[in-house]
Amino acid sequence: MKTQKKQIEKYLSAGKQLTPMQALSKFGCFRLAARVAELRNEGLNIKTKILTKKGKSFASYTLV
């Protein structure tokens, strides 16, 4: 079984954007920001964009 970090890396490498709600439903990941920090520490260039929907703000991550 792949780790959440590897699944997230593969997903972002496919050119897709990922939000915390998507990470929870796709990978069972409650702490997306922590996994993104780990990937950044490994050298991946991940861009964070803050989105707002229905008055709620959340991050969206993409690989640059």
PDB file of N, CA and C in Angstrom:
ATOM      1  N   MET A   1       0.833  -1.193   0.000  1.00  0.00           N
ATOM      2  CA  MET A   1       0.000   0.000   0.000  1.00  0.00           C
ATOM      3  C   MET A   1       0.873   1.250   0.000  1.00  0.00           C
ATOM      4  N   LYS A   2       0.517   2.201  -0.841  1.00  0.00           N
ATOM      5  CA  LYS A   2       1.267   3.451  -0.904  1.00  0.00           C
ATOM      6  C   LYS A   2       0.934   4.339   0.284  1.00  0.00           C
ATOM      7  N   THR A   3       1.922   5.117   0.692  1.00  0.00           N
ATOM      8  CA  THR A   3       1.671   6.064   1.771  1.00  0.00           C
ATOM      9  C   THR A   3       0.858   7.245   1.236  1.00  0.00           C
ATOM     10  N   GLN A   4       0.228   7.967   2.138  1.00  0.00           N
ATOM     11  CA  GLN A   4      -0.530   9.157   1.727  1.00  0.00           C
ATOM     12  C   GLN A   4       0.380  10.131   0.995  1.00  0.00           C
ATOM     13  N   LYS A   5       1.580  10.307   1.511  1.00  0.00           N
ATOM     14  CA  LYS A   5       2.514  11.257   0.901  1.00  0.00           C
ATOM     15  C   LYS A   5       2.805  10.882  -0.547  1.00  0.00           C
ATOM     16  N   LYS A   6       3.049   9.602  -0.798  1.00  0.00           N
ATOM     17  CA  LYS A   6       3.338   9.147  -2.171  1.00  0.00           C
ATOM     18  C   LYS A   6       2.104   9.296  -3.063  1.00  0.00           C
ATOM     19  N   GLN A   7       0.930   9.000  -2.523  1.00  0.00           N
ATOM     20  CA  GLN A   7      -0.302   9.158  -3.303  1.00  0.00           C
ATOM     21  C   GLN A   7      -0.516  10.622  -3.666  1.00  0.00           C
ATOM     22  N   ILE A   8      -0.266  11.510  -2.722  1.00  0.00           N
ATOM     23  CA  ILE A   8      -0.438  12.946  -2.959  1.00  0.00           C
ATOM     24  C   ILE A   8       0.581  13.432  -3.983  1.00  0.00           C
ATOM     25  N   GLU A   9       1.821  12.970  -3.863  1.00  0.00           N
ATOM     26  CA  GLU A   9       2.862  13.344  -4.825  1.00  0.00           C
ATOM     27  C   GLU A   9       2.473  12.910  -6.237  1.00  0.00           C
ATOM     28  N   LYS A  10       1.992  11.703  -6.376  1.00  0.00           N
ATOM     29  CA  LYS A  10       1.587  11.196  -7.690  1.00  0.00           C
ATOM     30  C   LYS A  10       0.417  12.012  -8.251  1.00  0.00           C
ATOM     31  N   TYR A  11      -0.545  12.329  -7.396  1.00  0.00           N
ATOM     32  CA  TYR A  11      -1.719  13.103  -7.811  1.00  0.00           C
ATOM     33  C   TYR A  11      -1.300  14.492  -8.303  1.00  0.00           C
ATOM     34  N   LEU A  12      -0.450  15.170  -7.534  1.00  0.00           N
ATOM     35  CA  LEU A  12       0.013  16.506  -7.921  1.00  0.00           C
ATOM     36  C   LEU A  12       0.893  16.445  -9.170  1.00  0.00           C
ATOM     37  N   SER A  13       1.684  15.386  -9.292  1.00  0.00           N
ATOM     38  CA  SER A  13       2.562  15.219 -10.465  1.00  0.00           C
ATOM     39  C   SER A  13       1.772  15.036 -11.751  1.00  0.00           C
ATOM     40  N   ALA A  14       0.520  14.618 -11.623  1.00  0.00           N
ATOM     41  CA  ALA A  14      -0.342  14.459 -12.798  1.00  0.00           C
ATOM     42  C   ALA A  14      -0.920  15.795 -13.247  1.00  0.00           C
ATOM     43  N   GLY A  15      -0.514  16.894 -12.586  1.00  0.00           N
ATOM     44  CA  GLY A  15      -0.973  18.218 -12.989  1.00  0.00           C
ATOM     45  C   GLY A  15      -2.293  18.642 -12.362  1.00  0.00           C
ATOM     46  N   LYS A  16      -2.723  17.921 -11.343  1.00  0.00           N
ATOM     47  CA  LYS A  16      -4.002  18.212 -10.704  1.00  0.00           C
ATOM     48  C   LYS A  16      -3.803  19.089  -9.476  1.00  0.00           C
ATOM     49  N   GLN A  17      -4.864  19.821  -9.110  1.00  0.00           N
ATOM     50  CA  GLN A  17      -4.825  20.584  -7.864  1.00  0.00           C
ATOM     51  C   GLN A  17      -5.528  19.773  -6.793  1.00  0.00           C
ATOM     52  N   LEU A  18      -5.132  20.021  -5.532  1.00  0.00           N
ATOM     53  CA  LEU A  18      -5.662  19.223  -4.432  1.00  0.00           C
ATOM     54  C   LEU A  18      -6.026  20.125  -3.256  1.00  0.00           C
ATOM     55  N   THR A  19      -7.238  19.953  -2.759  1.00  0.00           N
ATOM     56  CA  THR A  19      -7.711  20.680  -1.586  1.00  0.00           C
ATOM     57  C   THR A  19      -7.789  19.707  -0.401  1.00  0.00           C
ATOM     58  N   PRO A  20      -7.873  20.217   0.816  1.00  0.00           N
ATOM     59  CA  PRO A  20      -7.986  19.318   1.974  1.00  0.00           C
ATOM     60  C   PRO A  20      -9.198  18.377   1.904  1.00  0.00           C
ATOM     61  N   MET A  21     -10.329  18.846   1.435  1.00  0.00           N
ATOM     62  CA  MET A  21     -11.508  17.978   1.337  1.00  0.00           C
ATOM     63  C   MET A  21     -11.285  16.865   0.313  1.00  0.00           C
ATOM     64  N   GLN A  22     -10.630  17.185  -0.799  1.00  0.00           N
ATOM     65  CA  GLN A  22     -10.319  16.163  -1.795  1.00  0.00           C
ATOM     66  C   GLN A  22      -9.336  15.140  -1.229  1.00  0.00           C
ATOM     67  N   ALA A  23      -8.343  15.625  -0.494  1.00  0.00           N
ATOM     68  CA  ALA A  23      -7.344  14.726   0.094  1.00  0.00           C
ATOM     69  C   ALA A  23      -7.994  13.773   1.095  1.00  0.00           C
ATOM     70  N   LEU A  24      -8.953  14.288   1.840  1.00  0.00           N
ATOM     71  CA  LEU A  24      -9.659  13.445   2.804  1.00  0.00           C
ATOM     72  C   LEU A  24     -10.460  12.357   2.094  1.00  0.00           C
ATOM     73  N   SER A  25     -11.192  12.739   1.053  1.00  0.00           N
ATOM     74  CA  SER A  25     -12.031  11.753   0.369  1.00  0.00           C
ATOM     75  C   SER A  25     -11.224  10.783  -0.498  1.00  0.00           C
ATOM     76  N   LYS A  26     -10.152  11.248  -1.129  1.00  0.00           N
ATOM     77  CA  LYS A  26      -9.379  10.387  -2.027  1.00  0.00           C
ATOM     78  C   LYS A  26      -8.359   9.508  -1.292  1.00  0.00           C
ATOM     79  N   PHE A  27      -7.712  10.080  -0.267  1.00  0.00           N
ATOM     80  CA  PHE A  27      -6.593   9.391   0.372  1.00  0.00           C
ATOM     81  C   PHE A  27      -6.769   9.174   1.878  1.00  0.00           C
ATOM     82  N   GLY A  28      -7.871   9.641   2.458  1.00  0.00           N
ATOM     83  CA  GLY A  28      -8.074   9.518   3.893  1.00  0.00           C
ATOM     84  C   GLY A  28      -7.117  10.386   4.697  1.00  0.00           C
ATOM     85  N   CYS A  29      -6.663  11.475   4.084  1.00  0.00           N
ATOM     86  CA  CYS A  29      -5.651  12.350   4.685  1.00  0.00           C
ATOM     87  C   CYS A  29      -6.321  13.524   5.393  1.00  0.00           C
ATOM     88  N   PHE A  30      -6.177  13.571   6.720  1.00  0.00           N
ATOM     89  CA  PHE A  30      -6.733  14.663   7.507  1.00  0.00           C
ATOM     90  C   PHE A  30      -5.774  15.847   7.593  1.00  0.00           C
ATOM     91  N   ARG A  31      -4.491  15.627   7.320  1.00  0.00           N
ATOM     92  CA  ARG A  31      -3.479  16.674   7.498  1.00  0.00           C
ATOM     93  C   ARG A  31      -2.715  16.926   6.197  1.00  0.00           C
ATOM     94  N   LEU A  32      -3.417  17.443   5.206  1.00  0.00           N
ATOM     95  CA  LEU A  32      -2.802  17.684   3.902  1.00  0.00           C
ATOM     96  C   LEU A  32      -1.636  18.663   4.006  1.00  0.00           C
ATOM     97  N   ALA A  33      -1.786  19.729   4.789  1.00  0.00           N
ATOM     98  CA  ALA A  33      -0.707  20.719   4.904  1.00  0.00           C
ATOM     99  C   ALA A  33       0.581  20.083   5.424  1.00  0.00           C
ATOM    100  N   ALA A  34       0.463  19.122   6.326  1.00  0.00           N
ATOM    101  CA  ALA A  34       1.645  18.429   6.850  1.00  0.00           C
ATOM    102  C   ALA A  34       2.308  17.587   5.766  1.00  0.00           C
ATOM    103  N   ARG A  35       1.495  16.878   4.976  1.00  0.00           N
ATOM    104  CA  ARG A  35       2.056  16.075   3.886  1.00  0.00           C
ATOM    105  C   ARG A  35       2.719  16.981   2.838  1.00  0.00           C
ATOM    106  N   VAL A  36       2.097  18.121   2.543  1.00  0.00           N
ATOM    107  CA  VAL A  36       2.673  19.077   1.585  1.00  0.00           C
ATOM    108  C   VAL A  36       4.005  19.603   2.115  1.00  0.00           C
ATOM    109  N   ALA A  37       4.077  19.900   3.404  1.00  0.00           N
ATOM    110  CA  ALA A  37       5.333  20.368   4.010  1.00  0.00           C
ATOM    111  C   ALA A  37       6.430  19.310   3.860  1.00  0.00           C
ATOM    112  N   GLU A  38       6.084  18.051   4.070  1.00  0.00           N
ATOM    113  CA  GLU A  38       7.055  16.965   3.900  1.00  0.00           C
ATOM    114  C   GLU A  38       7.549  16.894   2.460  1.00  0.00           C
ATOM    115  N   LEU A  39       6.629  17.020   1.509  1.00  0.00           N
ATOM    116  CA  LEU A  39       7.014  16.975   0.093  1.00  0.00           C
ATOM    117  C   LEU A  39       7.888  18.175  -0.270  1.00  0.00           C
ATOM    118  N   ARG A  40       7.570  19.331   0.283  1.00  0.00           N
ATOM    119  CA  ARG A  40       8.409  20.520   0.036  1.00  0.00           C
ATOM    120  C   ARG A  40       9.810  20.307   0.607  1.00  0.00           C
ATOM    121  N   ASN A  41       9.898  19.696   1.769  1.00  0.00           N
ATOM    122  CA  ASN A  41      11.204  19.424   2.377  1.00  0.00           C
ATOM    123  C   ASN A  41      12.026  18.456   1.539  1.00  0.00           C
ATOM    124  N   GLU A  42      11.344  17.654   0.729  1.00  0.00           N
ATOM    125  CA  GLU A  42      12.030  16.724  -0.178  1.00  0.00           C
ATOM    126  C   GLU A  42      12.374  17.392  -1.510  1.00  0.00           C
ATOM    127  N   GLY A  43      12.028  18.676  -1.666  1.00  0.00           N
ATOM    128  CA  GLY A  43      12.436  19.417  -2.849  1.00  0.00           C
ATOM    129  C   GLY A  43      11.353  19.707  -3.866  1.00  0.00           C
ATOM    130  N   LEU A  44      10.130  19.266  -3.638  1.00  0.00           N
ATOM    131  CA  LEU A  44       9.057  19.555  -4.590  1.00  0.00           C
ATOM    132  C   LEU A  44       8.628  21.013  -4.478  1.00  0.00           C
ATOM    133  N   ASN A  45       8.381  21.631  -5.616  1.00  0.00           N
ATOM    134  CA  ASN A  45       7.941  23.024  -5.663  1.00  0.00           C
ATOM    135  C   ASN A  45       6.417  23.028  -5.748  1.00  0.00           C
ATOM    136  N   ILE A  46       5.766  23.172  -4.597  1.00  0.00           N
ATOM    137  CA  ILE A  46       4.311  23.121  -4.519  1.00  0.00           C
ATOM    138  C   ILE A  46       3.788  24.515  -4.209  1.00  0.00           C
ATOM    139  N   LYS A  47       2.858  24.962  -5.037  1.00  0.00           N
ATOM    140  CA  LYS A  47       2.259  26.292  -4.897  1.00  0.00           C
ATOM    141  C   LYS A  47       0.967  26.181  -4.090  1.00  0.00           C
ATOM    142  N   THR A  48       0.774  27.135  -3.187  1.00  0.00           N
ATOM    143  CA  THR A  48      -0.453  27.201  -2.390  1.00  0.00           C
ATOM    144  C   THR A  48      -1.286  28.377  -2.869  1.00  0.00           C
ATOM    145  N   LYS A  49      -2.548  28.126  -3.113  1.00  0.00           N
ATOM    146  CA  LYS A  49      -3.495  29.174  -3.479  1.00  0.00           C
ATOM    147  C   LYS A  49      -4.642  29.110  -2.476  1.00  0.00           C
ATOM    148  N   ILE A  50      -5.012  30.260  -1.916  1.00  0.00           N
ATOM    149  CA  ILE A  50      -6.113  30.302  -0.963  1.00  0.00           C
ATOM    150  C   ILE A  50      -7.405  30.602  -1.728  1.00  0.00           C
ATOM    151  N   LEU A  51      -8.376  29.719  -1.592  1.00  0.00           N
ATOM    152  CA  LEU A  51      -9.678  29.862  -2.240  1.00  0.00           C
ATOM    153  C   LEU A  51     -10.733  30.160  -1.185  1.00  0.00           C
ATOM    154  N   THR A  52     -11.814  30.814  -1.589  1.00  0.00           N
ATOM    155  CA  THR A  52     -12.927  31.074  -0.677  1.00  0.00           C
ATOM    156  C   THR A  52     -14.224  30.660  -1.354  1.00  0.00           C
ATOM    157  N   LYS A  53     -14.993  29.829  -0.662  1.00  0.00           N
ATOM    158  CA  LYS A  53     -16.317  29.404  -1.134  1.00  0.00           C
ATOM    159  C   LYS A  53     -17.284  29.489   0.025  1.00  0.00           C
ATOM    160  N   LYS A  54     -18.405  30.117  -0.210  1.00  0.00           N
ATOM    161  CA  LYS A  54     -19.454  30.247   0.808  1.00  0.00           C
ATOM    162  C   LYS A  54     -18.907  30.805   2.116  1.00  0.00           C
ATOM    163  N   GLY A  55     -18.002  31.775   2.009  1.00  0.00           N
ATOM    164  CA  GLY A  55     -17.440  32.423   3.184  1.00  0.00           C
ATOM    165  C   GLY A  55     -16.354  31.640   3.900  1.00  0.00           C
ATOM    166  N   LYS A  56     -15.979  30.476   3.386  1.00  0.00           N
ATOM    167  CA  LYS A  56     -14.939  29.641   3.999  1.00  0.00           C
ATOM    168  C   LYS A  56     -13.686  29.661   3.133  1.00  0.00           C
ATOM    169  N   SER A  57     -12.541  29.883   3.763  1.00  0.00           N
ATOM    170  CA  SER A  57     -11.268  29.890   3.044  1.00  0.00           C
ATOM    171  C   SER A  57     -10.543  28.569   3.260  1.00  0.00           C
ATOM    172  N   PHE A  58      -9.884  28.107   2.208  1.00  0.00           N
ATOM    173  CA  PHE A  58      -9.113  26.866   2.285  1.00  0.00           C
ATOM    174  C   PHE A  58      -8.016  26.903   1.244  1.00  0.00           C
ATOM    175  N   ALA A  59      -7.023  26.050   1.419  1.00  0.00           N
ATOM    176  CA  ALA A  59      -5.874  26.010   0.522  1.00  0.00           C
ATOM    177  C   ALA A  59      -6.117  25.038  -0.623  1.00  0.00           C
ATOM    178  N   SER A  60      -5.504  25.345  -1.748  1.00  0.00           N
ATOM    179  CA  SER A  60      -5.478  24.454  -2.890  1.00  0.00           C
ATOM    180  C   SER A  60      -4.014  24.357  -3.312  1.00  0.00           C
ATOM    181  N   TYR A  61      -3.529  23.144  -3.502  1.00  0.00           N
ATOM    182  CA  TYR A  61      -2.102  22.919  -3.799  1.00  0.00           C
ATOM    183  C   TYR A  61      -1.930  22.401  -5.222  1.00  0.00           C
ATOM    184  N   THR A  62      -0.904  22.925  -5.892  1.00  0.00           N
ATOM    185  CA  THR A  62      -0.526  22.443  -7.225  1.00  0.00           C
ATOM    186  C   THR A  62       0.991  22.333  -7.289  1.00  0.00           C
ATOM    187  N   LEU A  63       1.445  21.430  -8.118  1.00  0.00           N
ATOM    188  CA  LEU A  63       2.883  21.268  -8.340  1.00  0.00           C
ATOM    189  C   LEU A  63       3.297  22.218  -9.458  1.00  0.00           C
ATOM    190  N   VAL A  64       4.365  22.974  -9.210  1.00  0.00           N
ATOM    191  CA  VAL A  64       4.830  23.957 -10.193  1.00  0.00           C
ATOM    192  C   VAL A  64       5.814  23.274 -11.134  1.00  0.00           C
TER     193      VAL A  64
END
